[in-house]
Amino acid sequence: MQDYQKAKKNVEVTVGESVRIIRELQALSQNQLAELTGIPQSTLSAIENNRVSLGVERAKVLAKALRCHPAVLVFPGWEIDNNQAA
């Protein structure tokens, strides 16, 4: 079996950026996401620009609409270190 080297991280992504990126990958506008979630467009804009905290409940609502796990939104830079014991 061949050993593989983990790819180097090239960019840091904020919580707001992760929401925007996933929204754009779903081809949704902020207005469309607002309709799906009931979260005002102005609040979505503030989240994406890191002016408002996402919070657990909003993360759940957004994750359902964006068809992803809430952790993808809340912890965009999370990495598991396989060398450390749990």
N, C-alpha and C. Protein backbone atom coordinates (compact mmCIF):
# COMPACT_ATOMS: atom_id res chain seq x y z
N MET A 1 0.84 -1.18 0.00
CA MET A 1 0.00 0.00 0.00
C MET A 1 0.89 1.25 0.00
N GLN A 2 0.51 2.21 -0.77
CA GLN A 2 1.30 3.42 -0.92
C GLN A 2 0.90 4.45 0.14
N ASP A 3 1.90 5.18 0.65
CA ASP A 3 1.61 6.25 1.60
C ASP A 3 1.23 7.51 0.82
N TYR A 4 0.24 8.21 1.35
CA TYR A 4 -0.20 9.45 0.72
C TYR A 4 0.05 10.60 1.66
N GLN A 5 0.35 11.73 1.09
CA GLN A 5 0.59 12.93 1.87
C GLN A 5 -0.65 13.80 1.82
N LYS A 6 -1.06 14.29 2.96
CA LYS A 6 -2.23 15.14 3.04
C LYS A 6 -1.98 16.45 2.28
N ALA A 7 -3.01 16.91 1.56
CA ALA A 7 -2.89 18.17 0.81
C ALA A 7 -2.71 19.33 1.79
N LYS A 8 -1.94 20.31 1.38
CA LYS A 8 -1.75 21.49 2.22
C LYS A 8 -2.94 22.42 2.09
N LYS A 9 -3.33 23.00 3.21
CA LYS A 9 -4.44 23.95 3.21
C LYS A 9 -3.95 25.25 2.59
N ASN A 10 -4.69 25.73 1.59
CA ASN A 10 -4.28 26.94 0.89
C ASN A 10 -5.01 28.19 1.36
N VAL A 11 -6.16 28.03 1.96
CA VAL A 11 -6.96 29.19 2.32
C VAL A 11 -7.76 28.91 3.60
N GLU A 12 -7.94 29.92 4.39
CA GLU A 12 -8.81 29.83 5.57
C GLU A 12 -10.19 30.32 5.17
N VAL A 13 -11.22 29.62 5.59
CA VAL A 13 -12.59 29.99 5.26
C VAL A 13 -13.32 30.30 6.56
N THR A 14 -13.98 31.46 6.59
CA THR A 14 -14.78 31.82 7.77
C THR A 14 -16.14 31.12 7.70
N VAL A 15 -16.87 31.18 8.79
CA VAL A 15 -18.22 30.61 8.83
C VAL A 15 -19.09 31.28 7.77
N GLY A 16 -19.04 32.59 7.70
CA GLY A 16 -19.83 33.33 6.71
C GLY A 16 -19.48 32.95 5.28
N GLU A 17 -18.19 32.79 5.02
CA GLU A 17 -17.75 32.40 3.69
C GLU A 17 -18.23 30.99 3.34
N SER A 18 -18.23 30.10 4.33
CA SER A 18 -18.70 28.74 4.07
C SER A 18 -20.18 28.74 3.71
N VAL A 19 -20.98 29.57 4.38
CA VAL A 19 -22.40 29.68 4.05
C VAL A 19 -22.55 30.19 2.62
N ARG A 20 -21.83 31.24 2.27
CA ARG A 20 -21.92 31.82 0.92
C ARG A 20 -21.49 30.81 -0.14
N ILE A 21 -20.37 30.14 0.09
CA ILE A 21 -19.85 29.18 -0.89
C ILE A 21 -20.86 28.07 -1.13
N ILE A 22 -21.39 27.50 -0.07
CA ILE A 22 -22.34 26.39 -0.23
C ILE A 22 -23.64 26.88 -0.86
N ARG A 23 -24.08 28.08 -0.49
CA ARG A 23 -25.28 28.66 -1.12
C ARG A 23 -25.05 28.82 -2.62
N GLU A 24 -23.90 29.36 -2.99
CA GLU A 24 -23.61 29.57 -4.41
C GLU A 24 -23.46 28.24 -5.16
N LEU A 25 -22.89 27.23 -4.51
CA LEU A 25 -22.79 25.91 -5.14
C LEU A 25 -24.17 25.30 -5.38
N GLN A 26 -25.14 25.68 -4.57
CA GLN A 26 -26.52 25.22 -4.75
C GLN A 26 -27.27 26.11 -5.74
N ALA A 27 -26.59 27.12 -6.30
CA ALA A 27 -27.18 28.06 -7.27
C ALA A 27 -28.39 28.79 -6.68
N LEU A 28 -28.26 29.20 -5.41
CA LEU A 28 -29.33 29.93 -4.74
C LEU A 28 -28.90 31.37 -4.49
N SER A 29 -29.82 32.29 -4.66
CA SER A 29 -29.58 33.67 -4.26
C SER A 29 -29.88 33.79 -2.76
N GLN A 30 -29.47 34.89 -2.17
CA GLN A 30 -29.81 35.11 -0.76
C GLN A 30 -31.32 35.18 -0.60
N ASN A 31 -32.01 35.79 -1.55
CA ASN A 31 -33.48 35.88 -1.47
C ASN A 31 -34.13 34.50 -1.54
N GLN A 32 -33.62 33.64 -2.40
CA GLN A 32 -34.16 32.28 -2.49
C GLN A 32 -33.92 31.51 -1.20
N LEU A 33 -32.70 31.64 -0.64
CA LEU A 33 -32.40 30.97 0.62
C LEU A 33 -33.26 31.52 1.75
N ALA A 34 -33.52 32.80 1.72
CA ALA A 34 -34.39 33.42 2.73
C ALA A 34 -35.80 32.80 2.66
N GLU A 35 -36.30 32.59 1.45
CA GLU A 35 -37.62 31.98 1.29
C GLU A 35 -37.64 30.54 1.80
N LEU A 36 -36.56 29.81 1.54
CA LEU A 36 -36.49 28.40 1.98
C LEU A 36 -36.38 28.26 3.50
N THR A 37 -35.73 29.22 4.13
CA THR A 37 -35.41 29.09 5.55
C THR A 37 -36.26 29.95 6.48
N GLY A 38 -36.84 31.01 5.96
CA GLY A 38 -37.54 31.95 6.82
C GLY A 38 -36.59 32.93 7.51
N ILE A 39 -35.32 32.86 7.19
CA ILE A 39 -34.33 33.79 7.73
C ILE A 39 -34.29 35.00 6.80
N PRO A 40 -34.47 36.21 7.31
CA PRO A 40 -34.47 37.38 6.43
C PRO A 40 -33.19 37.50 5.60
N GLN A 41 -33.35 37.99 4.37
CA GLN A 41 -32.20 38.16 3.48
C GLN A 41 -31.15 39.04 4.11
N SER A 42 -31.56 40.07 4.83
CA SER A 42 -30.60 40.98 5.47
C SER A 42 -29.77 40.24 6.53
N THR A 43 -30.39 39.29 7.21
CA THR A 43 -29.66 38.48 8.20
C THR A 43 -28.70 37.54 7.51
N LEU A 44 -29.14 36.94 6.40
CA LEU A 44 -28.24 36.07 5.63
C LEU A 44 -27.02 36.84 5.14
N SER A 45 -27.25 38.05 4.67
CA SER A 45 -26.14 38.90 4.22
C SER A 45 -25.18 39.18 5.38
N ALA A 46 -25.73 39.49 6.54
CA ALA A 46 -24.90 39.78 7.71
C ALA A 46 -24.11 38.53 8.14
N ILE A 47 -24.72 37.36 8.05
CA ILE A 47 -24.02 36.11 8.38
C ILE A 47 -22.87 35.90 7.41
N GLU A 48 -23.16 36.03 6.11
CA GLU A 48 -22.14 35.80 5.09
C GLU A 48 -20.98 36.79 5.19
N ASN A 49 -21.26 37.97 5.73
CA ASN A 49 -20.21 38.99 5.90
C ASN A 49 -19.64 39.00 7.31
N ASN A 50 -19.95 37.95 8.08
CA ASN A 50 -19.43 37.77 9.43
C ASN A 50 -19.75 38.93 10.37
N ARG A 51 -20.90 39.57 10.15
CA ARG A 51 -21.35 40.64 11.05
C ARG A 51 -22.31 40.10 12.10
N VAL A 52 -22.90 38.92 11.82
CA VAL A 52 -23.83 38.28 12.75
C VAL A 52 -23.38 36.84 12.93
N SER A 53 -23.42 36.37 14.17
CA SER A 53 -23.05 34.99 14.47
C SER A 53 -24.08 34.04 13.88
N LEU A 54 -23.62 32.91 13.36
CA LEU A 54 -24.51 31.93 12.76
C LEU A 54 -25.40 31.28 13.81
N GLY A 55 -24.82 30.77 14.87
CA GLY A 55 -25.59 30.11 15.91
C GLY A 55 -26.04 28.72 15.51
N VAL A 56 -26.28 27.88 16.49
CA VAL A 56 -26.61 26.47 16.25
C VAL A 56 -27.96 26.32 15.55
N GLU A 57 -28.98 27.02 16.02
CA GLU A 57 -30.32 26.85 15.43
C GLU A 57 -30.35 27.33 13.99
N ARG A 58 -29.74 28.47 13.70
CA ARG A 58 -29.68 28.93 12.31
C ARG A 58 -28.87 27.98 11.46
N ALA A 59 -27.79 27.44 12.01
CA ALA A 59 -26.97 26.48 11.26
C ALA A 59 -27.81 25.26 10.86
N LYS A 60 -28.65 24.78 11.77
CA LYS A 60 -29.50 23.62 11.46
C LYS A 60 -30.47 23.94 10.33
N VAL A 61 -31.10 25.11 10.40
CA VAL A 61 -32.08 25.52 9.38
C VAL A 61 -31.39 25.69 8.03
N LEU A 62 -30.24 26.37 8.04
CA LEU A 62 -29.51 26.58 6.79
C LEU A 62 -28.98 25.27 6.21
N ALA A 63 -28.48 24.40 7.07
CA ALA A 63 -27.94 23.13 6.60
C ALA A 63 -29.02 22.29 5.93
N LYS A 64 -30.21 22.30 6.49
CA LYS A 64 -31.30 21.54 5.88
C LYS A 64 -31.62 22.09 4.49
N ALA A 65 -31.70 23.41 4.37
CA ALA A 65 -32.00 24.04 3.08
C ALA A 65 -30.87 23.84 2.07
N LEU A 66 -29.63 23.83 2.58
CA LEU A 66 -28.46 23.71 1.69
C LEU A 66 -28.02 22.25 1.51
N ARG A 67 -28.75 21.32 2.14
CA ARG A 67 -28.48 19.89 2.02
C ARG A 67 -27.04 19.54 2.39
N CYS A 68 -26.65 20.01 3.57
CA CYS A 68 -25.32 19.67 4.09
C CYS A 68 -25.44 19.47 5.60
N HIS A 69 -24.39 18.98 6.21
CA HIS A 69 -24.38 18.80 7.67
C HIS A 69 -24.10 20.16 8.32
N PRO A 70 -24.76 20.49 9.43
CA PRO A 70 -24.52 21.78 10.09
C PRO A 70 -23.04 22.03 10.42
N ALA A 71 -22.30 20.97 10.71
CA ALA A 71 -20.88 21.14 11.05
C ALA A 71 -20.08 21.73 9.89
N VAL A 72 -20.52 21.47 8.67
CA VAL A 72 -19.84 22.04 7.50
C VAL A 72 -19.91 23.56 7.55
N LEU A 73 -21.02 24.08 8.04
CA LEU A 73 -21.20 25.53 8.13
C LEU A 73 -20.52 26.11 9.37
N VAL A 74 -20.67 25.42 10.48
CA VAL A 74 -20.19 25.96 11.76
C VAL A 74 -18.68 25.82 11.94
N PHE A 75 -18.11 24.73 11.41
CA PHE A 75 -16.68 24.46 11.58
C PHE A 75 -16.00 24.27 10.22
N PRO A 76 -15.93 25.32 9.38
CA PRO A 76 -15.40 25.14 8.04
C PRO A 76 -13.92 24.74 7.99
N GLY A 77 -13.15 25.07 9.00
CA GLY A 77 -11.73 24.76 8.98
C GLY A 77 -11.34 23.56 9.82
N TRP A 78 -12.32 22.83 10.32
CA TRP A 78 -12.06 21.72 11.24
C TRP A 78 -11.30 20.60 10.54
N GLU A 79 -10.27 20.14 11.20
CA GLU A 79 -9.51 19.01 10.69
C GLU A 79 -9.32 17.99 11.80
N ILE A 80 -9.38 16.74 11.44
CA ILE A 80 -9.16 15.67 12.41
C ILE A 80 -7.71 15.25 12.33
N ASP A 81 -7.05 15.25 13.47
CA ASP A 81 -5.66 14.81 13.53
C ASP A 81 -5.66 13.33 13.89
N ASN A 82 -5.39 12.50 12.91
CA ASN A 82 -5.43 11.05 13.12
C ASN A 82 -4.28 10.54 13.98
N ASN A 83 -3.31 11.40 14.29
CA ASN A 83 -2.17 10.99 15.09
C ASN A 83 -2.43 11.11 16.58
N GLN A 84 -3.53 11.75 16.96
CA GLN A 84 -3.83 11.93 18.38
C GLN A 84 -4.90 10.94 18.80
N ALA A 85 -4.76 10.41 19.97
CA ALA A 85 -5.77 9.49 20.51
C ALA A 85 -7.00 10.27 20.94
N ALA A 86 -8.15 9.67 20.78
CA ALA A 86 -9.40 10.33 21.16
C ALA A 86 -9.60 10.33 22.64
